[in-house]
Amino acid sequence: MEITSTSARGNFEIKGDSGKKLLELTYSNWFASKAETSFESNKIEIKLRNIWHSKFDILKNGVDNGDIGLDWKGNVNIKLKSVNGVEKQYLLKAIAFWKMGFELLDQNETKILALKQSFNWKRISYNYDIEIADNQKVNPEILELVIYSGFAANLYVAMAMGV
C-alpha cells in the first residue's frame, strides 16, 4: 500500500497493493487545516480545534469520533472512539532523520504500521510506502488508521518546515 500526494495543498490518495485507489483525502484549504474523505460509506472530516494548529477533531458523519494532537516532543497522538465507546490511543512518531518516516504504535507500544517516505521532485511532494506490521491484517480499522496517519504525517512535515 502507499500514500501518494495529489496536490500541493496536501491532498493524498491511499492506494492498495495493486495500485488501485482506495480513497482520497482532500483539504478544503491547506491553511485552514480542514480535510475530508469518504470511507466505508462514512464521511470523515478532520477539523482544526485550536489556533496553534496543534489539535484537530475527527468527525465521522458529523459526530465527534476522536482527535489528533501534537505533543511537546513532536509526536502525534491519535485518539479514536470505537463502536462500543471505548477510546483507543495511538502514537505516530517520526523515525530517522535524513529520510523521514513514521511508526504508528498502539497504547501498548505495539507497532501497527510504518510510513516510509519518498520525495517526488517533479511535484515537490511527499509519498509514503505503507508497511503493515506482521501481526496486523489489512482491514477497515487499519485503513482508517492510515487516513489519520497520513494527515498526521502531513501535519508533522508542515510544522517541521515552519508552514
N, C-alpha and C. Protein backbone atom coordinates (compact mmCIF):
# COMPACT_ATOMS: atom_id res chain seq x y z
N MET A 1 0.84 -1.18 0.00
CA MET A 1 0.00 0.00 0.00
C MET A 1 0.88 1.23 0.00
N GLU A 2 0.28 2.35 -0.43
CA GLU A 2 1.03 3.59 -0.44
C GLU A 2 0.10 4.79 -0.31
N ILE A 3 0.69 5.87 0.16
CA ILE A 3 0.04 7.17 0.19
C ILE A 3 0.74 8.01 -0.87
N THR A 4 -0.04 8.54 -1.80
CA THR A 4 0.52 9.32 -2.89
C THR A 4 -0.06 10.73 -2.85
N SER A 5 0.79 11.72 -2.81
CA SER A 5 0.37 13.11 -2.81
C SER A 5 -0.27 13.45 -4.16
N THR A 6 -1.40 14.18 -4.11
CA THR A 6 -2.08 14.54 -5.35
C THR A 6 -2.15 16.05 -5.58
N SER A 7 -1.70 16.85 -4.60
CA SER A 7 -1.68 18.30 -4.80
C SER A 7 -0.76 18.95 -3.78
N ALA A 8 -0.40 20.19 -4.06
CA ALA A 8 0.46 20.95 -3.16
C ALA A 8 -0.26 21.31 -1.87
N ARG A 9 -1.58 21.24 -1.86
CA ARG A 9 -2.36 21.55 -0.65
C ARG A 9 -2.24 20.47 0.41
N GLY A 10 -1.75 19.29 0.02
CA GLY A 10 -1.64 18.19 0.97
C GLY A 10 -2.54 17.02 0.64
N ASN A 11 -3.44 17.17 -0.34
CA ASN A 11 -4.33 16.07 -0.72
C ASN A 11 -3.51 14.82 -0.99
N PHE A 12 -4.07 13.66 -0.66
CA PHE A 12 -3.38 12.42 -0.96
C PHE A 12 -4.36 11.29 -1.21
N GLU A 13 -3.89 10.30 -1.97
CA GLU A 13 -4.65 9.08 -2.23
C GLU A 13 -4.01 7.95 -1.45
N ILE A 14 -4.84 7.03 -1.03
CA ILE A 14 -4.34 5.78 -0.46
C ILE A 14 -4.61 4.71 -1.51
N LYS A 15 -3.55 4.04 -1.91
CA LYS A 15 -3.66 3.01 -2.94
C LYS A 15 -3.35 1.65 -2.33
N GLY A 16 -4.06 0.64 -2.81
CA GLY A 16 -3.85 -0.72 -2.35
C GLY A 16 -2.61 -1.32 -2.97
N ASP A 17 -2.33 -2.57 -2.62
CA ASP A 17 -1.14 -3.25 -3.13
C ASP A 17 -1.13 -3.35 -4.65
N SER A 18 -2.31 -3.39 -5.28
CA SER A 18 -2.38 -3.49 -6.74
C SER A 18 -2.26 -2.12 -7.41
N GLY A 19 -2.13 -1.05 -6.61
CA GLY A 19 -2.04 0.31 -7.16
C GLY A 19 -3.40 0.95 -7.36
N LYS A 20 -4.47 0.24 -7.00
CA LYS A 20 -5.83 0.76 -7.14
C LYS A 20 -6.12 1.78 -6.05
N LYS A 21 -6.72 2.90 -6.45
CA LYS A 21 -7.09 3.95 -5.50
C LYS A 21 -8.21 3.47 -4.58
N LEU A 22 -7.94 3.52 -3.27
CA LEU A 22 -8.94 3.13 -2.29
C LEU A 22 -9.77 4.32 -1.83
N LEU A 23 -9.10 5.47 -1.66
CA LEU A 23 -9.79 6.70 -1.27
C LEU A 23 -8.86 7.88 -1.46
N GLU A 24 -9.43 9.09 -1.38
CA GLU A 24 -8.62 10.31 -1.45
C GLU A 24 -9.04 11.24 -0.33
N LEU A 25 -8.06 11.76 0.39
CA LEU A 25 -8.29 12.76 1.42
C LEU A 25 -8.00 14.11 0.79
N THR A 26 -8.96 15.04 0.87
CA THR A 26 -8.77 16.36 0.28
C THR A 26 -8.86 17.43 1.36
N TYR A 27 -8.01 18.42 1.22
CA TYR A 27 -8.01 19.58 2.11
C TYR A 27 -8.83 20.67 1.44
N SER A 28 -9.72 21.30 2.21
CA SER A 28 -10.50 22.41 1.65
C SER A 28 -9.60 23.61 1.43
N ASN A 29 -8.62 23.74 2.31
CA ASN A 29 -7.66 24.83 2.22
C ASN A 29 -6.51 24.44 3.12
N TRP A 30 -5.29 24.43 2.61
CA TRP A 30 -4.13 24.00 3.39
C TRP A 30 -3.99 24.79 4.68
N PHE A 31 -4.21 26.10 4.62
CA PHE A 31 -4.02 26.93 5.81
C PHE A 31 -5.15 26.75 6.81
N ALA A 32 -6.34 26.33 6.36
CA ALA A 32 -7.46 26.09 7.27
C ALA A 32 -7.29 24.76 7.99
N SER A 33 -6.45 23.90 7.47
CA SER A 33 -6.19 22.58 8.07
C SER A 33 -7.46 21.78 8.27
N LYS A 34 -8.32 21.80 7.27
CA LYS A 34 -9.54 21.00 7.30
C LYS A 34 -9.47 20.02 6.14
N ALA A 35 -9.70 18.74 6.44
CA ALA A 35 -9.64 17.72 5.40
C ALA A 35 -10.84 16.81 5.51
N GLU A 36 -11.19 16.16 4.40
CA GLU A 36 -12.30 15.23 4.44
C GLU A 36 -12.13 14.13 3.39
N THR A 37 -12.83 13.03 3.64
CA THR A 37 -12.84 11.89 2.73
C THR A 37 -14.09 11.07 3.00
N SER A 38 -14.37 10.15 2.10
CA SER A 38 -15.43 9.17 2.30
C SER A 38 -14.76 7.81 2.42
N PHE A 39 -15.19 7.06 3.43
CA PHE A 39 -14.61 5.74 3.66
C PHE A 39 -15.65 4.83 4.28
N GLU A 40 -15.85 3.67 3.69
CA GLU A 40 -16.82 2.70 4.20
C GLU A 40 -18.19 3.36 4.39
N SER A 41 -18.62 4.13 3.42
CA SER A 41 -19.90 4.87 3.41
C SER A 41 -20.04 5.84 4.59
N ASN A 42 -18.92 6.30 5.13
CA ASN A 42 -18.90 7.32 6.18
C ASN A 42 -18.16 8.55 5.66
N LYS A 43 -18.65 9.72 6.05
CA LYS A 43 -17.94 10.95 5.74
C LYS A 43 -17.03 11.25 6.93
N ILE A 44 -15.73 11.30 6.68
CA ILE A 44 -14.76 11.60 7.73
C ILE A 44 -14.22 13.00 7.50
N GLU A 45 -14.29 13.83 8.53
CA GLU A 45 -13.75 15.18 8.48
C GLU A 45 -12.73 15.35 9.60
N ILE A 46 -11.67 16.06 9.28
CA ILE A 46 -10.67 16.41 10.29
C ILE A 46 -10.62 17.94 10.31
N LYS A 47 -10.94 18.52 11.47
CA LYS A 47 -11.06 19.98 11.58
C LYS A 47 -10.15 20.51 12.68
N LEU A 48 -9.61 21.67 12.45
CA LEU A 48 -8.78 22.36 13.42
C LEU A 48 -9.59 22.69 14.67
N ARG A 49 -8.99 22.45 15.85
CA ARG A 49 -9.67 22.74 17.11
C ARG A 49 -9.09 23.95 17.82
N ASN A 50 -7.80 24.28 17.61
CA ASN A 50 -7.23 25.43 18.32
C ASN A 50 -6.42 26.31 17.37
N ILE A 51 -6.09 27.49 17.82
CA ILE A 51 -5.40 28.46 16.94
C ILE A 51 -3.92 28.15 16.75
N TRP A 52 -3.37 27.25 17.54
CA TRP A 52 -1.95 26.90 17.42
C TRP A 52 -1.70 25.78 16.41
N HIS A 53 -2.77 25.30 15.80
CA HIS A 53 -2.68 24.21 14.82
C HIS A 53 -2.03 22.97 15.43
N SER A 54 -2.38 22.67 16.67
CA SER A 54 -1.81 21.50 17.34
C SER A 54 -2.87 20.49 17.76
N LYS A 55 -4.15 20.82 17.62
CA LYS A 55 -5.23 19.90 17.97
C LYS A 55 -6.31 19.93 16.88
N PHE A 56 -6.76 18.72 16.53
CA PHE A 56 -7.76 18.56 15.48
C PHE A 56 -8.82 17.58 15.93
N ASP A 57 -10.07 17.85 15.57
CA ASP A 57 -11.17 16.94 15.85
C ASP A 57 -11.37 16.01 14.65
N ILE A 58 -11.70 14.77 14.94
CA ILE A 58 -12.07 13.80 13.92
C ILE A 58 -13.57 13.60 14.02
N LEU A 59 -14.27 13.92 12.93
CA LEU A 59 -15.72 13.76 12.89
C LEU A 59 -16.07 12.67 11.89
N LYS A 60 -16.94 11.76 12.31
CA LYS A 60 -17.42 10.70 11.43
C LYS A 60 -18.92 10.91 11.28
N ASN A 61 -19.35 11.24 10.07
CA ASN A 61 -20.77 11.57 9.80
C ASN A 61 -21.26 12.67 10.74
N GLY A 62 -20.39 13.66 11.00
CA GLY A 62 -20.75 14.81 11.82
C GLY A 62 -20.66 14.60 13.32
N VAL A 63 -20.30 13.38 13.76
CA VAL A 63 -20.22 13.07 15.19
C VAL A 63 -18.76 12.98 15.60
N ASP A 64 -18.41 13.59 16.73
CA ASP A 64 -17.04 13.56 17.22
C ASP A 64 -16.61 12.11 17.46
N ASN A 65 -15.53 11.72 16.80
CA ASN A 65 -15.07 10.33 16.89
C ASN A 65 -13.65 10.24 17.44
N GLY A 66 -13.04 11.38 17.77
CA GLY A 66 -11.69 11.35 18.30
C GLY A 66 -10.96 12.64 18.00
N ASP A 67 -9.65 12.61 18.21
CA ASP A 67 -8.85 13.80 17.92
C ASP A 67 -7.41 13.43 17.59
N ILE A 68 -6.74 14.40 16.99
CA ILE A 68 -5.33 14.30 16.64
C ILE A 68 -4.65 15.48 17.29
N GLY A 69 -3.54 15.25 17.98
CA GLY A 69 -2.84 16.34 18.64
C GLY A 69 -1.34 16.16 18.63
N LEU A 70 -0.63 17.27 18.51
CA LEU A 70 0.83 17.27 18.60
C LEU A 70 1.23 17.44 20.05
N ASP A 71 2.23 16.69 20.50
CA ASP A 71 2.72 16.91 21.85
C ASP A 71 4.04 17.68 21.81
N TRP A 72 4.55 18.04 22.96
CA TRP A 72 5.75 18.89 23.02
C TRP A 72 7.00 18.15 22.56
N LYS A 73 6.95 16.83 22.44
CA LYS A 73 8.11 16.05 21.95
C LYS A 73 8.12 15.94 20.43
N GLY A 74 7.08 16.44 19.78
CA GLY A 74 7.00 16.35 18.33
C GLY A 74 6.28 15.10 17.86
N ASN A 75 5.72 14.33 18.77
CA ASN A 75 4.94 13.16 18.39
C ASN A 75 3.50 13.57 18.13
N VAL A 76 2.78 12.73 17.41
CA VAL A 76 1.37 12.99 17.14
C VAL A 76 0.54 11.92 17.84
N ASN A 77 -0.39 12.37 18.68
CA ASN A 77 -1.28 11.47 19.40
C ASN A 77 -2.61 11.39 18.66
N ILE A 78 -3.10 10.18 18.46
CA ILE A 78 -4.38 9.96 17.80
C ILE A 78 -5.27 9.19 18.79
N LYS A 79 -6.43 9.76 19.08
CA LYS A 79 -7.39 9.11 19.98
C LYS A 79 -8.67 8.86 19.19
N LEU A 80 -9.15 7.63 19.23
CA LEU A 80 -10.36 7.26 18.49
C LEU A 80 -11.33 6.54 19.41
N LYS A 81 -12.62 6.78 19.19
CA LYS A 81 -13.65 6.06 19.91
C LYS A 81 -14.08 4.88 19.06
N SER A 82 -14.14 3.71 19.67
CA SER A 82 -14.59 2.53 18.94
C SER A 82 -16.11 2.48 18.93
N VAL A 83 -16.65 1.52 18.21
CA VAL A 83 -18.09 1.37 18.09
C VAL A 83 -18.76 1.22 19.46
N ASN A 84 -18.10 0.51 20.39
CA ASN A 84 -18.67 0.31 21.72
C ASN A 84 -18.33 1.42 22.70
N GLY A 85 -17.74 2.53 22.20
CA GLY A 85 -17.47 3.69 23.04
C GLY A 85 -16.14 3.69 23.76
N VAL A 86 -15.35 2.64 23.60
CA VAL A 86 -14.04 2.57 24.24
C VAL A 86 -13.05 3.42 23.44
N GLU A 87 -12.27 4.23 24.14
CA GLU A 87 -11.29 5.07 23.47
C GLU A 87 -9.98 4.32 23.27
N LYS A 88 -9.46 4.37 22.05
CA LYS A 88 -8.16 3.77 21.75
C LYS A 88 -7.18 4.89 21.47
N GLN A 89 -5.95 4.73 21.94
CA GLN A 89 -4.94 5.75 21.74
C GLN A 89 -3.80 5.19 20.91
N TYR A 90 -3.29 6.04 20.02
CA TYR A 90 -2.18 5.67 19.15
C TYR A 90 -1.15 6.79 19.18
N LEU A 91 0.07 6.45 18.88
CA LEU A 91 1.16 7.42 18.83
C LEU A 91 1.85 7.29 17.48
N LEU A 92 1.91 8.38 16.74
CA LEU A 92 2.64 8.41 15.48
C LEU A 92 3.93 9.17 15.76
N LYS A 93 5.05 8.48 15.64
CA LYS A 93 6.31 9.16 15.93
C LYS A 93 7.24 9.08 14.73
N ALA A 94 8.00 10.16 14.58
CA ALA A 94 8.96 10.25 13.47
C ALA A 94 10.13 9.32 13.75
N ILE A 95 10.61 8.70 12.70
CA ILE A 95 11.80 7.87 12.79
C ILE A 95 12.77 8.32 11.70
N ALA A 96 14.04 8.15 11.96
CA ALA A 96 15.10 8.55 11.02
C ALA A 96 15.13 10.07 10.87
N PHE A 97 16.17 10.55 10.27
CA PHE A 97 16.30 11.99 10.11
C PHE A 97 16.42 12.37 8.64
N TRP A 98 17.35 11.78 7.93
CA TRP A 98 17.58 12.19 6.54
C TRP A 98 16.48 11.74 5.61
N LYS A 99 15.98 10.55 5.82
CA LYS A 99 14.85 10.07 5.02
C LYS A 99 13.73 9.75 6.01
N MET A 100 12.93 10.76 6.29
CA MET A 100 11.95 10.68 7.36
C MET A 100 10.91 9.61 7.10
N GLY A 101 10.48 9.01 8.16
CA GLY A 101 9.39 8.06 8.13
C GLY A 101 8.67 8.14 9.46
N PHE A 102 7.64 7.34 9.61
CA PHE A 102 6.84 7.37 10.83
C PHE A 102 6.45 5.96 11.21
N GLU A 103 6.25 5.75 12.50
CA GLU A 103 5.70 4.50 13.02
C GLU A 103 4.46 4.82 13.82
N LEU A 104 3.42 4.01 13.63
CA LEU A 104 2.21 4.14 14.41
C LEU A 104 2.18 3.02 15.44
N LEU A 105 2.09 3.41 16.71
CA LEU A 105 2.09 2.46 17.83
C LEU A 105 0.75 2.55 18.56
N ASP A 106 0.28 1.43 19.08
CA ASP A 106 -0.94 1.47 19.89
C ASP A 106 -0.57 1.80 21.34
N GLN A 107 -1.57 1.80 22.24
CA GLN A 107 -1.31 2.19 23.63
C GLN A 107 -0.39 1.22 24.35
N ASN A 108 -0.20 0.02 23.81
CA ASN A 108 0.73 -0.96 24.40
C ASN A 108 2.11 -0.88 23.75
N GLU A 109 2.31 0.15 22.93
CA GLU A 109 3.55 0.38 22.19
C GLU A 109 3.84 -0.73 21.18
N THR A 110 2.79 -1.37 20.70
CA THR A 110 2.90 -2.37 19.63
C THR A 110 2.83 -1.64 18.30
N LYS A 111 3.75 -1.94 17.42
CA LYS A 111 3.79 -1.29 16.11
C LYS A 111 2.63 -1.80 15.25
N ILE A 112 1.86 -0.84 14.73
CA ILE A 112 0.72 -1.16 13.87
C ILE A 112 1.14 -1.07 12.41
N LEU A 113 1.81 0.04 12.07
CA LEU A 113 2.24 0.25 10.70
C LEU A 113 3.38 1.24 10.66
N ALA A 114 4.03 1.31 9.51
CA ALA A 114 5.11 2.28 9.29
C ALA A 114 4.87 2.99 7.97
N LEU A 115 5.21 4.26 7.94
CA LEU A 115 5.16 5.05 6.71
C LEU A 115 6.60 5.36 6.33
N LYS A 116 7.03 4.89 5.17
CA LYS A 116 8.39 5.13 4.68
C LYS A 116 8.30 6.19 3.59
N GLN A 117 8.96 7.30 3.81
CA GLN A 117 8.83 8.47 2.95
C GLN A 117 9.69 8.39 1.70
N SER A 118 9.12 8.90 0.61
CA SER A 118 9.89 9.14 -0.61
C SER A 118 9.47 10.52 -1.11
N PHE A 119 10.41 11.24 -1.71
CA PHE A 119 10.14 12.60 -2.15
C PHE A 119 10.00 12.62 -3.65
N ASN A 120 8.94 13.27 -4.15
CA ASN A 120 8.70 13.40 -5.59
C ASN A 120 9.19 14.78 -6.01
N TRP A 121 10.35 14.82 -6.65
CA TRP A 121 10.95 16.10 -7.03
C TRP A 121 10.13 16.83 -8.09
N LYS A 122 9.47 16.12 -8.98
CA LYS A 122 8.67 16.77 -10.02
C LYS A 122 7.50 17.55 -9.44
N ARG A 123 6.89 17.01 -8.38
CA ARG A 123 5.71 17.64 -7.80
C ARG A 123 6.01 18.33 -6.47
N ILE A 124 7.25 18.25 -6.00
CA ILE A 124 7.63 18.77 -4.69
C ILE A 124 6.62 18.28 -3.64
N SER A 125 6.54 16.97 -3.53
CA SER A 125 5.59 16.38 -2.60
C SER A 125 6.17 15.12 -1.97
N TYR A 126 5.56 14.71 -0.88
CA TYR A 126 5.99 13.52 -0.17
C TYR A 126 5.00 12.39 -0.41
N ASN A 127 5.53 11.22 -0.66
CA ASN A 127 4.74 10.00 -0.78
C ASN A 127 5.24 9.04 0.29
N TYR A 128 4.41 8.08 0.65
CA TYR A 128 4.79 7.11 1.68
C TYR A 128 4.43 5.70 1.25
N ASP A 129 5.37 4.79 1.41
CA ASP A 129 5.06 3.37 1.30
C ASP A 129 4.58 2.95 2.68
N ILE A 130 3.50 2.18 2.71
CA ILE A 130 2.91 1.76 3.97
C ILE A 130 3.28 0.31 4.23
N GLU A 131 3.90 0.09 5.37
CA GLU A 131 4.24 -1.27 5.79
C GLU A 131 3.38 -1.63 6.99
N ILE A 132 2.52 -2.60 6.81
CA ILE A 132 1.66 -3.06 7.91
C ILE A 132 2.48 -4.05 8.74
N ALA A 133 2.42 -3.93 10.06
CA ALA A 133 3.16 -4.83 10.94
C ALA A 133 2.74 -6.27 10.71
N ASP A 134 3.66 -7.19 10.96
CA ASP A 134 3.43 -8.62 10.70
C ASP A 134 2.19 -9.18 11.39
N ASN A 135 1.91 -8.70 12.57
CA ASN A 135 0.79 -9.25 13.34
C ASN A 135 -0.55 -8.59 12.99
N GLN A 136 -0.56 -7.67 12.02
CA GLN A 136 -1.77 -6.94 11.65
C GLN A 136 -2.27 -7.39 10.27
N LYS A 137 -3.57 -7.35 10.09
CA LYS A 137 -4.18 -7.64 8.78
C LYS A 137 -4.79 -6.36 8.26
N VAL A 138 -4.72 -6.18 6.93
CA VAL A 138 -5.35 -5.01 6.34
C VAL A 138 -6.86 -5.20 6.44
N ASN A 139 -7.49 -4.30 7.16
CA ASN A 139 -8.94 -4.33 7.36
C ASN A 139 -9.42 -2.88 7.45
N PRO A 140 -10.72 -2.63 7.52
CA PRO A 140 -11.20 -1.24 7.58
C PRO A 140 -10.61 -0.43 8.74
N GLU A 141 -10.39 -1.05 9.89
CA GLU A 141 -9.81 -0.32 11.03
C GLU A 141 -8.39 0.15 10.71
N ILE A 142 -7.59 -0.71 10.09
CA ILE A 142 -6.22 -0.35 9.71
C ILE A 142 -6.24 0.74 8.64
N LEU A 143 -7.14 0.61 7.65
CA LEU A 143 -7.22 1.63 6.60
C LEU A 143 -7.63 2.98 7.17
N GLU A 144 -8.51 2.98 8.15
CA GLU A 144 -8.91 4.24 8.78
C GLU A 144 -7.71 4.84 9.53
N LEU A 145 -6.91 4.00 10.16
CA LEU A 145 -5.70 4.50 10.83
C LEU A 145 -4.70 5.06 9.82
N VAL A 146 -4.67 4.49 8.62
CA VAL A 146 -3.79 5.02 7.56
C VAL A 146 -4.24 6.44 7.18
N ILE A 147 -5.55 6.68 7.12
CA ILE A 147 -6.06 8.03 6.82
C ILE A 147 -5.53 9.03 7.84
N TYR A 148 -5.70 8.71 9.12
CA TYR A 148 -5.28 9.63 10.18
C TYR A 148 -3.76 9.75 10.24
N SER A 149 -3.05 8.68 9.95
CA SER A 149 -1.59 8.72 9.95
C SER A 149 -1.08 9.58 8.80
N GLY A 150 -1.72 9.49 7.64
CA GLY A 150 -1.33 10.33 6.50
C GLY A 150 -1.55 11.81 6.80
N PHE A 151 -2.70 12.12 7.40
CA PHE A 151 -2.98 13.50 7.81
C PHE A 151 -1.94 13.98 8.82
N ALA A 152 -1.68 13.14 9.81
CA ALA A 152 -0.73 13.49 10.87
C ALA A 152 0.69 13.65 10.32
N ALA A 153 1.08 12.81 9.36
CA ALA A 153 2.40 12.94 8.75
C ALA A 153 2.50 14.26 7.99
N ASN A 154 1.46 14.63 7.25
CA ASN A 154 1.44 15.94 6.57
C ASN A 154 1.56 17.07 7.58
N LEU A 155 0.84 16.95 8.67
CA LEU A 155 0.88 17.96 9.73
C LEU A 155 2.28 18.09 10.30
N TYR A 156 2.89 16.96 10.59
CA TYR A 156 4.25 16.94 11.16
C TYR A 156 5.25 17.60 10.21
N VAL A 157 5.19 17.24 8.93
CA VAL A 157 6.12 17.81 7.94
C VAL A 157 5.88 19.31 7.80
N ALA A 158 4.62 19.74 7.79
CA ALA A 158 4.31 21.17 7.68
C ALA A 158 4.85 21.93 8.89
N MET A 159 4.69 21.36 10.09
CA MET A 159 5.19 22.02 11.30
C MET A 159 6.72 22.06 11.29
N ALA A 160 7.35 20.97 10.85
CA ALA A 160 8.81 20.91 10.80
C ALA A 160 9.37 21.93 9.82
N MET A 161 8.62 22.18 8.75
CA MET A 161 9.07 23.15 7.73
C MET A 161 8.67 24.57 8.10
N GLY A 162 7.90 24.72 9.18
CA GLY A 162 7.52 26.05 9.63
C GLY A 162 6.39 26.67 8.84
N VAL A 163 5.57 25.84 8.18
CA VAL A 163 4.45 26.35 7.37
C VAL A 163 3.33 26.78 8.28
